[in-house]
Protein backbone atom coordinates (compact mmCIF):
# COMPACT_ATOMS: atom_id res chain seq x y z
CA VAL A 1 39.34 -41.33 3.42
CA GLN A 2 37.23 -39.78 6.47
CA LEU A 3 34.84 -36.83 5.98
CA GLN A 4 32.61 -35.32 8.79
CA ALA A 5 30.40 -32.59 7.98
CA SER A 6 28.74 -29.97 10.61
CA GLY A 7 27.43 -26.53 10.80
CA GLY A 8 24.10 -27.36 10.11
CA GLY A 9 20.81 -26.06 11.69
CA LEU A 10 17.83 -24.22 11.13
CA VAL A 11 17.76 -20.57 9.59
CA GLN A 12 15.18 -18.41 8.64
CA ALA A 13 15.29 -17.20 4.68
CA GLY A 14 18.01 -14.83 4.00
CA GLY A 15 20.04 -15.88 7.02
CA SER A 16 23.30 -17.46 6.57
CA LEU A 17 25.05 -20.56 7.88
CA ARG A 18 28.63 -21.90 7.53
CA LEU A 19 29.48 -25.26 7.20
CA ALA A 20 32.67 -27.24 8.12
CA CYS A 21 34.06 -30.57 6.82
CA ALA A 22 36.88 -32.39 8.94
CA ALA A 23 39.06 -34.62 6.69
CA SER A 24 41.57 -37.18 7.07
CA GLY A 25 42.99 -40.03 5.89
CA PHE A 26 44.34 -38.43 2.38
CA SER A 27 46.18 -35.64 1.17
CA PHE A 28 43.59 -32.95 1.75
CA SER A 29 45.99 -30.38 0.32
CA THR A 30 46.22 -31.87 -3.24
CA SER A 31 42.39 -33.15 -3.50
CA TYR A 32 39.24 -31.92 -5.39
CA MET A 33 36.70 -31.28 -2.66
CA SER A 34 33.02 -30.84 -3.00
CA TRP A 35 29.96 -30.56 -1.12
CA VAL A 36 26.86 -31.71 -2.31
CA ARG A 37 23.42 -32.14 -0.66
CA GLN A 38 20.54 -34.37 -1.03
CA VAL A 39 16.59 -33.93 -0.19
CA PRO A 40 15.04 -37.39 1.20
CA GLY A 41 13.72 -39.02 -2.00
CA LYS A 42 15.86 -37.17 -4.22
CA GLU A 43 19.32 -37.80 -6.23
CA ILE A 44 22.57 -36.21 -4.61
CA GLU A 45 22.97 -32.65 -6.19
CA TRP A 46 26.27 -31.39 -6.52
CA VAL A 47 26.62 -28.12 -5.06
CA SER A 48 30.25 -26.67 -5.26
CA GLY A 49 34.04 -28.20 -5.85
CA ILE A 50 37.33 -26.80 -5.22
CA ASN A 51 40.78 -27.84 -6.79
CA GLU A 52 43.47 -26.06 -5.57
CA VAL A 53 46.02 -27.62 -7.65
CA LEU A 54 44.33 -26.77 -10.99
CA GLY A 55 43.01 -23.40 -9.51
CA THR A 56 39.60 -24.01 -9.83
CA ILE A 57 36.28 -22.95 -7.89
CA ARG A 58 32.94 -23.80 -9.35
CA TYR A 59 29.29 -23.43 -8.05
CA ALA A 60 25.97 -24.87 -9.27
CA ASP A 61 23.94 -22.31 -10.91
CA SER A 62 21.37 -22.48 -8.12
CA VAL A 63 23.92 -21.46 -5.24
CA ARG A 64 26.50 -19.24 -7.34
CA GLY A 65 26.69 -15.99 -5.97
CA ARG A 66 25.41 -16.95 -2.61
CA PHE A 67 27.63 -19.94 -1.55
CA THR A 68 31.23 -19.74 -1.18
CA ILE A 69 33.45 -22.52 -0.87
CA SER A 70 37.17 -22.60 0.86
CA LYS A 71 39.82 -24.86 2.19
CA ASP A 72 42.22 -24.29 5.24
CA ASN A 73 45.04 -27.07 4.52
CA ALA A 74 46.66 -26.41 7.75
CA LYS A 75 43.43 -27.63 9.46
CA ASN A 76 42.36 -30.33 6.92
CA THR A 77 38.87 -28.31 7.09
CA LEU A 78 36.72 -27.81 4.19
CA TYR A 79 33.99 -24.89 4.35
CA LEU A 80 31.09 -23.98 2.85
CA GLN A 81 29.82 -20.45 3.70
CA MET A 82 25.95 -20.04 2.83
CA ASN A 83 24.46 -16.73 2.60
CA ASN A 84 20.97 -15.29 1.77
CA LEU A 85 19.49 -19.00 2.53
CA LYS A 86 16.27 -20.07 0.63
CA PRO A 87 13.96 -22.79 1.20
CA GLU A 88 14.72 -24.91 -1.50
CA ASP A 89 18.21 -25.04 0.01
CA THR A 90 17.00 -27.02 2.68
CA ALA A 91 18.62 -30.61 2.57
CA VAL A 92 21.44 -32.63 4.02
CA TYR A 93 24.73 -31.58 3.04
CA TYR A 94 27.59 -33.62 2.44
CA CYS A 95 31.53 -33.12 1.87
CA ALA A 96 33.37 -35.30 -0.41
CA THR A 97 36.58 -35.96 -2.54
CA SER A 98 34.34 -36.67 -6.15
CA ARG A 99 31.81 -34.44 -7.53
CA SER A 100 29.08 -37.44 -7.33
CA GLY A 101 29.71 -37.27 -3.77
CA ALA A 102 29.89 -41.31 -3.94
CA ASP A 103 32.76 -40.97 -0.95
CA ARG A 104 30.54 -38.61 1.37
CA GLY A 105 30.46 -39.07 5.13
CA PRO A 106 27.91 -38.19 7.34
CA GLY A 107 26.18 -35.10 6.38
CA THR A 108 24.59 -32.08 8.12
CA GLN A 109 21.16 -31.18 8.03
CA VAL A 110 20.40 -27.72 6.92
CA THR A 111 16.81 -26.19 7.17
CA VAL A 112 15.58 -22.95 6.13
CA SER A 113 12.32 -21.74 7.25
CA SER A 114 10.25 -19.10 4.69
């Protein structure tokens, strides 16, 4: 399994970012995929997950209504559209094939200024 997140950056509160995750080495189209995030010194926080086989999409309460997860199976790419960003969304974001994020690849830094 290889996962590489990208698209992070510095944005003002209320702004938007779109993260992407390039995936390879496994059956992307049938796999559960998630986004997790981590602030230094804190535990990994699950953000969102998608399972197209079961037809489910889930979000953490903290991001529901602001973030949208999606997949492009033709490109083996997972996305996270993040709107109305808040300073508390500042973290390193990772994609993973598990809710725990144990198999996450390199992340991308998102910094939201107030």
